[in-house]
Amino acid sequence: MGRPERILLVLLLVLLIFPPLLTQYWERVLTSALMISSLALAQNILLGYTGYPAFGCIAFFGIGGYTTAVLMKNYGMPFWVSLPAGALFAALLALIIAPPLMRLKSHYFAITTLALQLALGEFVANLEFTGGAQGINLPIYRGPGGYLVFFYMFWALTLFSFLLNAYIDKSTFGYALKAIREDEVAAETLGVNTVIFKSISFSVMALITGFAGGIYAYWITYIDPTSMFDPLLSVKVFVALLIGGLGTVGGPLVGAFLLEILSEVLWGQFPKVHGLILGLLIVLIVLIIPSGIWRR
């Protein structure tokens, strides 16, 4: 881990002291920024290092969230058991579908994952035990720390994802993923089992995304297929990656925080045209810094 990454890690640790000092509004903004950060860091493992754009990565966000919610609501399981179960189920599903899915390239892979996300949303909407299109209500958290506990959970998930990205960046596993990203045929010629490495990368992304979905479900207390399989959330994660820098350790974190805080500030100052202004700013950032704020 280089010096810039260590500084970013210190700032992430310092962030722990702020929530009790902030209003509930900014507490929610920071919690949301950490959620987007964890999703962007998860997507970075697949897109940034492996070079595979999963436009439908939020499919596993929905799977993790719905599995957690169903286990809590229908079977009375505690959150601390339901959450890892939901994340593991998302990772297992990714591992099962990865071998055939990973044989697709570039935009074919991207479109297929988006189709998977939309299909899963429709599938969940037609299941009785998931609440169908009406969704599921979860019990309100009334434990120690109040709603700050969700900030700390997303913070822990972001920290884990950041450290995992830092490890992958310098590990043998990470070099194999980068080889696949640069030239998959050449990587296979050198003896890299690309299907296995891509499948692991895909499953790790799904695991972290599933955890984020489970935490989000309990934080919001009400979920439905539209919110849990929302394509706009996929777009948000990709924009955060583009702003921060693909294939970098710190880029996804910086991009996610910048995007979320900028969005909230513009919403407060320009409620009628905040979307237009935000879109123009994103275009300008991408044009001026095409490689992202955080360079490789």
C-alpha atoms as a PDB file:
ATOM      1  CA  MET A   1       0.000   0.000   0.000  1.00  0.00           C
ATOM      2  CA  GLY A   2       1.498   3.311  -1.117  1.00  0.00           C
ATOM      3  CA  ARG A   3       1.580   6.554   0.824  1.00  0.00           C
ATOM      4  CA  PRO A   4      -1.605   8.038  -0.763  1.00  0.00           C
ATOM      5  CA  GLU A   5      -3.524   4.872   0.145  1.00  0.00           C
ATOM      6  CA  ARG A   6      -2.213   4.989   3.721  1.00  0.00           C
ATOM      7  CA  ILE A   7      -3.359   8.612   4.033  1.00  0.00           C
ATOM      8  CA  LEU A   8      -6.790   7.631   2.729  1.00  0.00           C
ATOM      9  CA  LEU A   9      -6.904   4.767   5.232  1.00  0.00           C
ATOM     10  CA  VAL A  10      -6.137   7.198   8.078  1.00  0.00           C
ATOM     11  CA  LEU A  11      -8.912   9.513   6.872  1.00  0.00           C
ATOM     12  CA  LEU A  12     -11.294   6.560   6.795  1.00  0.00           C
ATOM     13  CA  LEU A  13     -10.355   5.738  10.392  1.00  0.00           C
ATOM     14  CA  VAL A  14     -10.774   9.388  11.441  1.00  0.00           C
ATOM     15  CA  LEU A  15     -14.275   9.331   9.929  1.00  0.00           C
ATOM     16  CA  LEU A  16     -15.350   7.164  12.885  1.00  0.00           C
ATOM     17  CA  ILE A  17     -15.375  10.123  15.269  1.00  0.00           C
ATOM     18  CA  PHE A  18     -17.725  12.326  13.201  1.00  0.00           C
ATOM     19  CA  PRO A  19     -21.198  10.686  13.193  1.00  0.00           C
ATOM     20  CA  PRO A  20     -22.113  11.451  16.849  1.00  0.00           C
ATOM     21  CA  LEU A  21     -21.244  15.119  16.173  1.00  0.00           C
ATOM     22  CA  LEU A  22     -23.414  15.476  13.070  1.00  0.00           C
ATOM     23  CA  THR A  23     -27.107  16.023  12.454  1.00  0.00           C
ATOM     24  CA  GLN A  24     -29.243  13.051  11.435  1.00  0.00           C
ATOM     25  CA  TYR A  25     -29.289  14.368   7.868  1.00  0.00           C
ATOM     26  CA  TRP A  26     -25.502  14.317   7.442  1.00  0.00           C
ATOM     27  CA  GLU A  27     -25.320  11.049   9.335  1.00  0.00           C
ATOM     28  CA  ARG A  28     -27.595   9.572   6.652  1.00  0.00           C
ATOM     29  CA  VAL A  29     -25.519  11.164   3.853  1.00  0.00           C
ATOM     30  CA  LEU A  30     -22.291   9.666   5.212  1.00  0.00           C
ATOM     31  CA  THR A  31     -23.947   6.278   5.664  1.00  0.00           C
ATOM     32  CA  SER A  32     -25.159   6.382   2.061  1.00  0.00           C
ATOM     33  CA  ALA A  33     -21.694   7.454   0.860  1.00  0.00           C
ATOM     34  CA  LEU A  34     -20.139   4.490   2.658  1.00  0.00           C
ATOM     35  CA  MET A  35     -22.675   2.145   1.075  1.00  0.00           C
ATOM     36  CA  ILE A  36     -21.824   3.423  -2.424  1.00  0.00           C
ATOM     37  CA  SER A  37     -18.119   3.183  -1.524  1.00  0.00           C
ATOM     38  CA  SER A  38     -18.420  -0.471  -0.559  1.00  0.00           C
ATOM     39  CA  LEU A  39     -20.323  -1.226  -3.781  1.00  0.00           C
ATOM     40  CA  ALA A  40     -17.765   0.653  -5.896  1.00  0.00           C
ATOM     41  CA  LEU A  41     -14.844  -1.122  -4.201  1.00  0.00           C
ATOM     42  CA  ALA A  42     -16.574  -4.463  -4.817  1.00  0.00           C
ATOM     43  CA  GLN A  43     -17.184  -3.614  -8.482  1.00  0.00           C
ATOM     44  CA  ASN A  44     -13.567  -2.486  -8.809  1.00  0.00           C
ATOM     45  CA  ILE A  45     -12.401  -6.066  -8.175  1.00  0.00           C
ATOM     46  CA  LEU A  46     -14.345  -7.253 -11.218  1.00  0.00           C
ATOM     47  CA  LEU A  47     -14.185  -4.250 -13.549  1.00  0.00           C
ATOM     48  CA  GLY A  48     -11.053  -2.439 -12.404  1.00  0.00           C
ATOM     49  CA  TYR A  49      -8.724  -5.436 -11.990  1.00  0.00           C
ATOM     50  CA  THR A  50     -10.347  -8.134 -14.148  1.00  0.00           C
ATOM     51  CA  GLY A  51     -11.721  -5.856 -16.862  1.00  0.00           C
ATOM     52  CA  TYR A  52     -15.262  -7.264 -16.878  1.00  0.00           C
ATOM     53  CA  PRO A  53     -18.047  -4.613 -16.691  1.00  0.00           C
ATOM     54  CA  ALA A  54     -20.968  -6.058 -14.733  1.00  0.00           C
ATOM     55  CA  PHE A  55     -23.744  -3.526 -15.350  1.00  0.00           C
ATOM     56  CA  GLY A  56     -26.028  -5.789 -13.318  1.00  0.00           C
ATOM     57  CA  CYS A  57     -23.894  -5.998 -10.177  1.00  0.00           C
ATOM     58  CA  ILE A  58     -26.854  -4.734  -8.121  1.00  0.00           C
ATOM     59  CA  ALA A  59     -28.542  -8.099  -8.784  1.00  0.00           C
ATOM     60  CA  PHE A  60     -26.480  -9.420  -5.849  1.00  0.00           C
ATOM     61  CA  PHE A  61     -27.377  -6.367  -3.768  1.00  0.00           C
ATOM     62  CA  GLY A  62     -31.008  -7.372  -4.200  1.00  0.00           C
ATOM     63  CA  ILE A  63     -30.317 -11.065  -3.528  1.00  0.00           C
ATOM     64  CA  GLY A  64     -28.411 -10.278  -0.343  1.00  0.00           C
ATOM     65  CA  GLY A  65     -31.065  -7.847   0.844  1.00  0.00           C
ATOM     66  CA  TYR A  66     -34.025 -10.102   0.085  1.00  0.00           C
ATOM     67  CA  THR A  67     -32.405 -13.209   1.587  1.00  0.00           C
ATOM     68  CA  THR A  68     -31.653 -11.285   4.774  1.00  0.00           C
ATOM     69  CA  ALA A  69     -35.196  -9.882   4.896  1.00  0.00           C
ATOM     70  CA  VAL A  70     -36.919 -13.235   4.229  1.00  0.00           C
ATOM     71  CA  LEU A  71     -34.868 -15.043   6.881  1.00  0.00           C
ATOM     72  CA  MET A  72     -35.684 -12.330   9.436  1.00  0.00           C
ATOM     73  CA  LYS A  73     -39.371 -11.836   8.596  1.00  0.00           C
ATOM     74  CA  ASN A  74     -40.505 -15.343   7.619  1.00  0.00           C
ATOM     75  CA  TYR A  75     -38.251 -17.485   9.785  1.00  0.00           C
ATOM     76  CA  GLY A  76     -37.557 -15.224  12.763  1.00  0.00           C
ATOM     77  CA  MET A  77     -33.776 -15.469  12.402  1.00  0.00           C
ATOM     78  CA  PRO A  78     -31.688 -12.696  13.998  1.00  0.00           C
ATOM     79  CA  PHE A  79     -30.092 -10.093  11.769  1.00  0.00           C
ATOM     80  CA  TRP A  80     -26.543 -11.143  12.644  1.00  0.00           C
ATOM     81  CA  VAL A  81     -27.288 -14.617  11.260  1.00  0.00           C
ATOM     82  CA  SER A  82     -29.435 -13.517   8.319  1.00  0.00           C
ATOM     83  CA  LEU A  83     -26.891 -10.959   7.048  1.00  0.00           C
ATOM     84  CA  PRO A  84     -23.963 -13.340   6.400  1.00  0.00           C
ATOM     85  CA  ALA A  85     -26.408 -15.958   5.106  1.00  0.00           C
ATOM     86  CA  GLY A  86     -27.705 -13.476   2.523  1.00  0.00           C
ATOM     87  CA  ALA A  87     -24.196 -12.463   1.454  1.00  0.00           C
ATOM     88  CA  LEU A  88     -23.042 -16.081   1.181  1.00  0.00           C
ATOM     89  CA  PHE A  89     -26.113 -16.973  -0.885  1.00  0.00           C
ATOM     90  CA  ALA A  90     -25.335 -14.091  -3.269  1.00  0.00           C
ATOM     91  CA  ALA A  91     -21.713 -15.284  -3.577  1.00  0.00           C
ATOM     92  CA  LEU A  92     -22.814 -18.896  -4.127  1.00  0.00           C
ATOM     93  CA  LEU A  93     -25.254 -17.848  -6.850  1.00  0.00           C
ATOM     94  CA  ALA A  94     -22.472 -15.852  -8.525  1.00  0.00           C
ATOM     95  CA  LEU A  95     -20.113 -18.835  -8.340  1.00  0.00           C
ATOM     96  CA  ILE A  96     -22.727 -21.098  -9.965  1.00  0.00           C
ATOM     97  CA  ILE A  97     -23.497 -18.799 -12.889  1.00  0.00           C
ATOM     98  CA  ALA A  98     -19.945 -17.471 -13.337  1.00  0.00           C
ATOM     99  CA  PRO A  99     -18.433 -20.228 -15.572  1.00  0.00           C
ATOM    100  CA  PRO A 100     -20.928 -19.828 -18.465  1.00  0.00           C
ATOM    101  CA  LEU A 101     -21.369 -16.081 -17.896  1.00  0.00           C
ATOM    102  CA  MET A 102     -17.639 -15.354 -17.880  1.00  0.00           C
ATOM    103  CA  ARG A 103     -17.240 -16.809 -21.353  1.00  0.00           C
ATOM    104  CA  LEU A 104     -18.924 -13.680 -22.687  1.00  0.00           C
ATOM    105  CA  LYS A 105     -16.756 -10.672 -23.509  1.00  0.00           C
ATOM    106  CA  SER A 106     -16.990  -6.913 -23.160  1.00  0.00           C
ATOM    107  CA  HIS A 107     -20.435  -5.408 -23.846  1.00  0.00           C
ATOM    108  CA  TYR A 108     -22.023  -8.867 -24.240  1.00  0.00           C
ATOM    109  CA  PHE A 109     -21.091  -9.626 -20.631  1.00  0.00           C
ATOM    110  CA  ALA A 110     -22.271  -6.188 -19.470  1.00  0.00           C
ATOM    111  CA  ILE A 111     -25.680  -6.498 -21.156  1.00  0.00           C
ATOM    112  CA  THR A 112     -26.157 -10.065 -19.910  1.00  0.00           C
ATOM    113  CA  THR A 113     -25.531  -9.076 -16.290  1.00  0.00           C
ATOM    114  CA  LEU A 114     -27.987  -6.183 -16.648  1.00  0.00           C
ATOM    115  CA  ALA A 115     -30.566  -8.608 -18.062  1.00  0.00           C
ATOM    116  CA  LEU A 116     -29.882 -10.908 -15.101  1.00  0.00           C
ATOM    117  CA  GLN A 117     -30.538  -8.046 -12.686  1.00  0.00           C
ATOM    118  CA  LEU A 118     -33.835  -7.118 -14.340  1.00  0.00           C
ATOM    119  CA  ALA A 119     -34.904 -10.774 -14.584  1.00  0.00           C
ATOM    120  CA  LEU A 120     -34.186 -11.411 -10.906  1.00  0.00           C
ATOM    121  CA  GLY A 121     -36.178  -8.305  -9.982  1.00  0.00           C
ATOM    122  CA  GLU A 122     -39.193  -9.623 -11.925  1.00  0.00           C
ATOM    123  CA  PHE A 123     -38.724 -13.110 -10.478  1.00  0.00           C
ATOM    124  CA  VAL A 124     -38.708 -11.817  -6.885  1.00  0.00           C
ATOM    125  CA  ALA A 125     -41.742  -9.640  -7.632  1.00  0.00           C
ATOM    126  CA  ASN A 126     -43.727 -12.777  -8.500  1.00  0.00           C
ATOM    127  CA  LEU A 127     -42.825 -14.843  -5.432  1.00  0.00           C
ATOM    128  CA  GLU A 128     -45.310 -15.019  -2.569  1.00  0.00           C
ATOM    129  CA  PHE A 129     -42.822 -15.515   0.263  1.00  0.00           C
ATOM    130  CA  THR A 130     -40.885 -12.371  -0.758  1.00  0.00           C
ATOM    131  CA  GLY A 131     -44.012 -10.227  -0.507  1.00  0.00           C
ATOM    132  CA  GLY A 132     -44.256  -9.957  -4.290  1.00  0.00           C
ATOM    133  CA  ALA A 133     -44.390  -6.468  -5.755  1.00  0.00           C
ATOM    134  CA  GLN A 134     -45.559  -5.102  -2.378  1.00  0.00           C
ATOM    135  CA  GLY A 135     -42.217  -5.888  -0.755  1.00  0.00           C
ATOM    136  CA  ILE A 136     -41.312  -6.722   2.839  1.00  0.00           C
ATOM    137  CA  ASN A 137     -41.475  -4.672   6.039  1.00  0.00           C
ATOM    138  CA  LEU A 138     -38.688  -5.358   8.535  1.00  0.00           C
ATOM    139  CA  PRO A 139     -38.709  -4.549  12.251  1.00  0.00           C
ATOM    140  CA  ILE A 140     -37.184  -1.216  13.228  1.00  0.00           C
ATOM    141  CA  TYR A 141     -33.776  -1.544  14.860  1.00  0.00           C
ATOM    142  CA  ARG A 142     -34.006  -0.543  18.534  1.00  0.00           C
ATOM    143  CA  GLY A 143     -30.679  -1.833  19.818  1.00  0.00           C
ATOM    144  CA  PRO A 144     -27.644   0.017  21.225  1.00  0.00           C
ATOM    145  CA  GLY A 145     -26.385   2.978  19.226  1.00  0.00           C
ATOM    146  CA  GLY A 146     -29.623   3.540  17.352  1.00  0.00           C
ATOM    147  CA  TYR A 147     -29.335   4.067  13.615  1.00  0.00           C
ATOM    148  CA  LEU A 148     -25.642   4.921  13.987  1.00  0.00           C
ATOM    149  CA  VAL A 149     -25.056   1.163  13.998  1.00  0.00           C
ATOM    150  CA  PHE A 150     -25.740   1.107  10.249  1.00  0.00           C
ATOM    151  CA  PHE A 151     -23.109   3.792   9.681  1.00  0.00           C
ATOM    152  CA  TYR A 152     -20.587   1.634  11.535  1.00  0.00           C
ATOM    153  CA  MET A 153     -21.608  -1.499   9.631  1.00  0.00           C
ATOM    154  CA  PHE A 154     -21.160   0.204   6.266  1.00  0.00           C
ATOM    155  CA  TRP A 155     -17.903   1.711   7.536  1.00  0.00           C
ATOM    156  CA  ALA A 156     -16.622  -1.761   8.486  1.00  0.00           C
ATOM    157  CA  LEU A 157     -17.675  -3.163   5.093  1.00  0.00           C
ATOM    158  CA  THR A 158     -15.958  -0.259   3.299  1.00  0.00           C
ATOM    159  CA  LEU A 159     -12.786  -0.723   5.366  1.00  0.00           C
ATOM    160  CA  PHE A 160     -12.744  -4.454   4.593  1.00  0.00           C
ATOM    161  CA  SER A 161     -13.321  -3.792   0.869  1.00  0.00           C
ATOM    162  CA  PHE A 162     -10.596  -1.128   0.801  1.00  0.00           C
ATOM    163  CA  LEU A 163      -8.044  -3.414   2.477  1.00  0.00           C
ATOM    164  CA  LEU A 164      -9.059  -6.267   0.164  1.00  0.00           C
ATOM    165  CA  ASN A 165      -8.481  -4.043  -2.874  1.00  0.00           C
ATOM    166  CA  ALA A 166      -5.081  -3.040  -1.476  1.00  0.00           C
ATOM    167  CA  TYR A 167      -4.176  -6.714  -1.028  1.00  0.00           C
ATOM    168  CA  ILE A 168      -5.396  -7.720  -4.493  1.00  0.00           C
ATOM    169  CA  ASP A 169      -3.486  -4.845  -6.081  1.00  0.00           C
ATOM    170  CA  LYS A 170      -0.122  -6.305  -4.985  1.00  0.00           C
ATOM    171  CA  SER A 171      -0.922 -10.017  -4.748  1.00  0.00           C
ATOM    172  CA  THR A 172      -0.310 -12.888  -7.173  1.00  0.00           C
ATOM    173  CA  PHE A 173      -4.086 -13.211  -7.497  1.00  0.00           C
ATOM    174  CA  GLY A 174      -4.300  -9.534  -8.436  1.00  0.00           C
ATOM    175  CA  TYR A 175      -1.532  -9.844 -11.044  1.00  0.00           C
ATOM    176  CA  ALA A 176      -3.452 -12.732 -12.616  1.00  0.00           C
ATOM    177  CA  LEU A 177      -6.593 -10.575 -12.772  1.00  0.00           C
ATOM    178  CA  LYS A 178      -4.623  -7.701 -14.331  1.00  0.00           C
ATOM    179  CA  ALA A 179      -3.170 -10.095 -16.897  1.00  0.00           C
ATOM    180  CA  ILE A 180      -6.716 -11.123 -17.835  1.00  0.00           C
ATOM    181  CA  ARG A 181      -7.696  -7.462 -18.097  1.00  0.00           C
ATOM    182  CA  GLU A 182      -4.800  -6.579 -20.393  1.00  0.00           C
ATOM    183  CA  ASP A 183      -4.863  -9.655 -22.662  1.00  0.00           C
ATOM    184  CA  GLU A 184      -6.899 -12.704 -21.731  1.00  0.00           C
ATOM    185  CA  VAL A 185      -5.533 -14.889 -24.524  1.00  0.00           C
ATOM    186  CA  ALA A 186      -1.958 -14.112 -23.502  1.00  0.00           C
ATOM    187  CA  ALA A 187      -2.827 -14.835 -19.849  1.00  0.00           C
ATOM    188  CA  GLU A 188      -4.189 -18.262 -20.833  1.00  0.00           C
ATOM    189  CA  THR A 189      -1.031 -18.938 -22.857  1.00  0.00           C
ATOM    190  CA  LEU A 190       1.052 -18.211 -19.753  1.00  0.00           C
ATOM    191  CA  GLY A 191      -0.911 -20.791 -17.779  1.00  0.00           C
ATOM    192  CA  VAL A 192      -3.512 -18.626 -16.007  1.00  0.00           C
ATOM    193  CA  ASN A 193      -6.790 -20.516 -15.571  1.00  0.00           C
ATOM    194  CA  THR A 194      -8.889 -17.531 -16.571  1.00  0.00           C
ATOM    195  CA  VAL A 195     -12.274 -19.146 -15.884  1.00  0.00           C
ATOM    196  CA  ILE A 196     -11.341 -19.897 -12.245  1.00  0.00           C
ATOM    197  CA  PHE A 197      -9.819 -16.470 -11.593  1.00  0.00           C
ATOM    198  CA  LYS A 198     -12.744 -14.639 -13.218  1.00  0.00           C
ATOM    199  CA  SER A 199     -15.246 -16.763 -11.289  1.00  0.00           C
ATOM    200  CA  ILE A 200     -13.527 -16.001  -7.966  1.00  0.00           C
ATOM    201  CA  SER A 201     -13.415 -12.286  -8.818  1.00  0.00           C
ATOM    202  CA  PHE A 202     -17.124 -12.354  -9.703  1.00  0.00           C
ATOM    203  CA  SER A 203     -18.019 -14.208  -6.484  1.00  0.00           C
ATOM    204  CA  VAL A 204     -16.004 -11.860  -4.239  1.00  0.00           C
ATOM    205  CA  MET A 205     -17.774  -8.897  -5.837  1.00  0.00           C
ATOM    206  CA  ALA A 206     -21.131 -10.602  -5.189  1.00  0.00           C
ATOM    207  CA  LEU A 207     -20.216 -11.377  -1.560  1.00  0.00           C
ATOM    208  CA  ILE A 208     -19.439  -7.749  -0.680  1.00  0.00           C
ATOM    209  CA  THR A 209     -22.445  -6.504  -2.682  1.00  0.00           C
ATOM    210  CA  GLY A 210     -24.677  -9.033  -0.884  1.00  0.00           C
ATOM    211  CA  PHE A 211     -23.473  -7.778   2.500  1.00  0.00           C
ATOM    212  CA  ALA A 212     -24.271  -4.192   1.435  1.00  0.00           C
ATOM    213  CA  GLY A 213     -27.764  -5.253   0.336  1.00  0.00           C
ATOM    214  CA  GLY A 214     -28.471  -6.987   3.654  1.00  0.00           C
ATOM    215  CA  ILE A 215     -27.354  -4.000   5.728  1.00  0.00           C
ATOM    216  CA  TYR A 216     -29.358  -1.641   3.515  1.00  0.00           C
ATOM    217  CA  ALA A 217     -32.514  -3.754   3.866  1.00  0.00           C
ATOM    218  CA  TYR A 218     -32.449  -3.548   7.683  1.00  0.00           C
ATOM    219  CA  TRP A 219     -31.433   0.135   7.611  1.00  0.00           C
ATOM    220  CA  ILE A 220     -34.381   1.132   5.383  1.00  0.00           C
ATOM    221  CA  THR A 221     -36.769  -1.406   7.066  1.00  0.00           C
ATOM    222  CA  TYR A 222     -38.887  -1.665   3.900  1.00  0.00           C
ATOM    223  CA  ILE A 223     -37.722  -3.153   0.600  1.00  0.00           C
ATOM    224  CA  ASP A 224     -39.377  -3.958  -2.714  1.00  0.00           C
ATOM    225  CA  PRO A 225     -38.067  -5.304  -6.044  1.00  0.00           C
ATOM    226  CA  THR A 226     -37.917  -1.837  -7.593  1.00  0.00           C
ATOM    227  CA  SER A 227     -35.581  -0.435  -4.936  1.00  0.00           C
ATOM    228  CA  MET A 228     -33.420  -3.534  -4.446  1.00  0.00           C
ATOM    229  CA  PHE A 229     -32.796  -4.228  -8.159  1.00  0.00           C
ATOM    230  CA  ASP A 230     -32.653  -0.580  -9.254  1.00  0.00           C
ATOM    231  CA  PRO A 231     -30.572  -0.078 -12.471  1.00  0.00           C
ATOM    232  CA  LEU A 232     -29.923   3.530 -11.406  1.00  0.00           C
ATOM    233  CA  LEU A 233     -27.909   2.231  -8.456  1.00  0.00           C
ATOM    234  CA  SER A 234     -25.737   0.290 -10.927  1.00  0.00           C
ATOM    235  CA  VAL A 235     -25.205   3.522 -12.863  1.00  0.00           C
ATOM    236  CA  LYS A 236     -24.264   5.373  -9.668  1.00  0.00           C
ATOM    237  CA  VAL A 237     -21.627   2.773  -8.816  1.00  0.00           C
ATOM    238  CA  PHE A 238     -20.142   2.979 -12.316  1.00  0.00           C
ATOM    239  CA  VAL A 239     -20.044   6.774 -12.233  1.00  0.00           C
ATOM    240  CA  ALA A 240     -18.257   6.649  -8.857  1.00  0.00           C
ATOM    241  CA  LEU A 241     -15.670   4.312 -10.377  1.00  0.00           C
ATOM    242  CA  LEU A 242     -15.171   6.511 -13.444  1.00  0.00           C
ATOM    243  CA  ILE A 243     -14.723   9.618 -11.309  1.00  0.00           C
ATOM    244  CA  GLY A 244     -12.367   7.938  -8.851  1.00  0.00           C
ATOM    245  CA  GLY A 245     -10.348   5.779 -11.228  1.00  0.00           C
ATOM    246  CA  LEU A 246     -10.755   2.187 -12.391  1.00  0.00           C
ATOM    247  CA  GLY A 247      -8.284  -0.397 -11.146  1.00  0.00           C
ATOM    248  CA  THR A 248      -6.997   1.784  -8.305  1.00  0.00           C
ATOM    249  CA  VAL A 249      -7.155   1.163  -4.571  1.00  0.00           C
ATOM    250  CA  GLY A 250      -8.330   4.609  -3.486  1.00  0.00           C
ATOM    251  CA  GLY A 251     -10.295   5.697  -6.557  1.00  0.00           C
ATOM    252  CA  PRO A 252     -13.606   3.958  -5.816  1.00  0.00           C
ATOM    253  CA  LEU A 253     -13.682   5.371  -2.283  1.00  0.00           C
ATOM    254  CA  VAL A 254     -12.866   8.929  -3.358  1.00  0.00           C
ATOM    255  CA  GLY A 255     -15.249   8.790  -6.317  1.00  0.00           C
ATOM    256  CA  ALA A 256     -18.146   7.467  -4.228  1.00  0.00           C
ATOM    257  CA  PHE A 257     -17.784  10.112  -1.515  1.00  0.00           C
ATOM    258  CA  LEU A 258     -17.364  12.927  -4.041  1.00  0.00           C
ATOM    259  CA  LEU A 259     -20.405  11.802  -6.041  1.00  0.00           C
ATOM    260  CA  GLU A 260     -22.678  11.314  -3.023  1.00  0.00           C
ATOM    261  CA  ILE A 261     -21.766  14.539  -1.189  1.00  0.00           C
ATOM    262  CA  LEU A 262     -21.845  16.597  -4.388  1.00  0.00           C
ATOM    263  CA  SER A 263     -25.262  15.146  -5.220  1.00  0.00           C
ATOM    264  CA  GLU A 264     -26.643  16.030  -1.779  1.00  0.00           C
ATOM    265  CA  VAL A 265     -25.238  19.579  -1.833  1.00  0.00           C
ATOM    266  CA  LEU A 266     -26.676  20.255  -5.295  1.00  0.00           C
ATOM    267  CA  TRP A 267     -30.018  18.770  -4.232  1.00  0.00           C
ATOM    268  CA  GLY A 268     -30.169  21.220  -1.323  1.00  0.00           C
ATOM    269  CA  GLN A 269     -29.067  24.279  -3.316  1.00  0.00           C
ATOM    270  CA  PHE A 270     -30.745  23.615  -6.679  1.00  0.00           C
ATOM    271  CA  PRO A 271     -33.692  21.249  -6.066  1.00  0.00           C
ATOM    272  CA  LYS A 272     -35.240  21.757  -9.513  1.00  0.00           C
ATOM    273  CA  VAL A 273     -32.132  21.427 -11.689  1.00  0.00           C
ATOM    274  CA  HIS A 274     -29.736  19.489  -9.450  1.00  0.00           C
ATOM    275  CA  GLY A 275     -29.793  16.466 -11.797  1.00  0.00           C
ATOM    276  CA  LEU A 276     -28.809  18.593 -14.800  1.00  0.00           C
ATOM    277  CA  ILE A 277     -25.987  20.329 -12.923  1.00  0.00           C
ATOM    278  CA  LEU A 278     -24.691  17.057 -11.488  1.00  0.00           C
ATOM    279  CA  GLY A 279     -24.737  15.412 -14.920  1.00  0.00           C
ATOM    280  CA  LEU A 280     -22.783  18.312 -16.467  1.00  0.00           C
ATOM    281  CA  LEU A 281     -20.209  18.221 -13.662  1.00  0.00           C
ATOM    282  CA  ILE A 282     -19.746  14.453 -14.101  1.00  0.00           C
ATOM    283  CA  VAL A 283     -19.239  14.891 -17.860  1.00  0.00           C
ATOM    284  CA  LEU A 284     -16.673  17.662 -17.244  1.00  0.00           C
ATOM    285  CA  ILE A 285     -14.773  15.565 -14.693  1.00  0.00           C
ATOM    286  CA  VAL A 286     -14.636  12.558 -17.026  1.00  0.00           C
ATOM    287  CA  LEU A 287     -13.520  14.740 -19.976  1.00  0.00           C
ATOM    288  CA  ILE A 288     -10.854  16.609 -18.010  1.00  0.00           C
ATOM    289  CA  ILE A 289      -9.596  13.584 -16.044  1.00  0.00           C
ATOM    290  CA  PRO A 290     -10.498  10.539 -18.198  1.00  0.00           C
ATOM    291  CA  SER A 291      -8.395   8.180 -16.043  1.00  0.00           C
ATOM    292  CA  GLY A 292     -10.117   9.349 -12.842  1.00  0.00           C
ATOM    293  CA  ILE A 293      -8.964  11.400  -9.881  1.00  0.00           C
ATOM    294  CA  TRP A 294      -6.886   8.558  -8.408  1.00  0.00           C
ATOM    295  CA  ARG A 295      -4.228   7.477 -10.880  1.00  0.00           C
ATOM    296  CA  ARG A 296      -2.781   3.974 -11.174  1.00  0.00           C
END
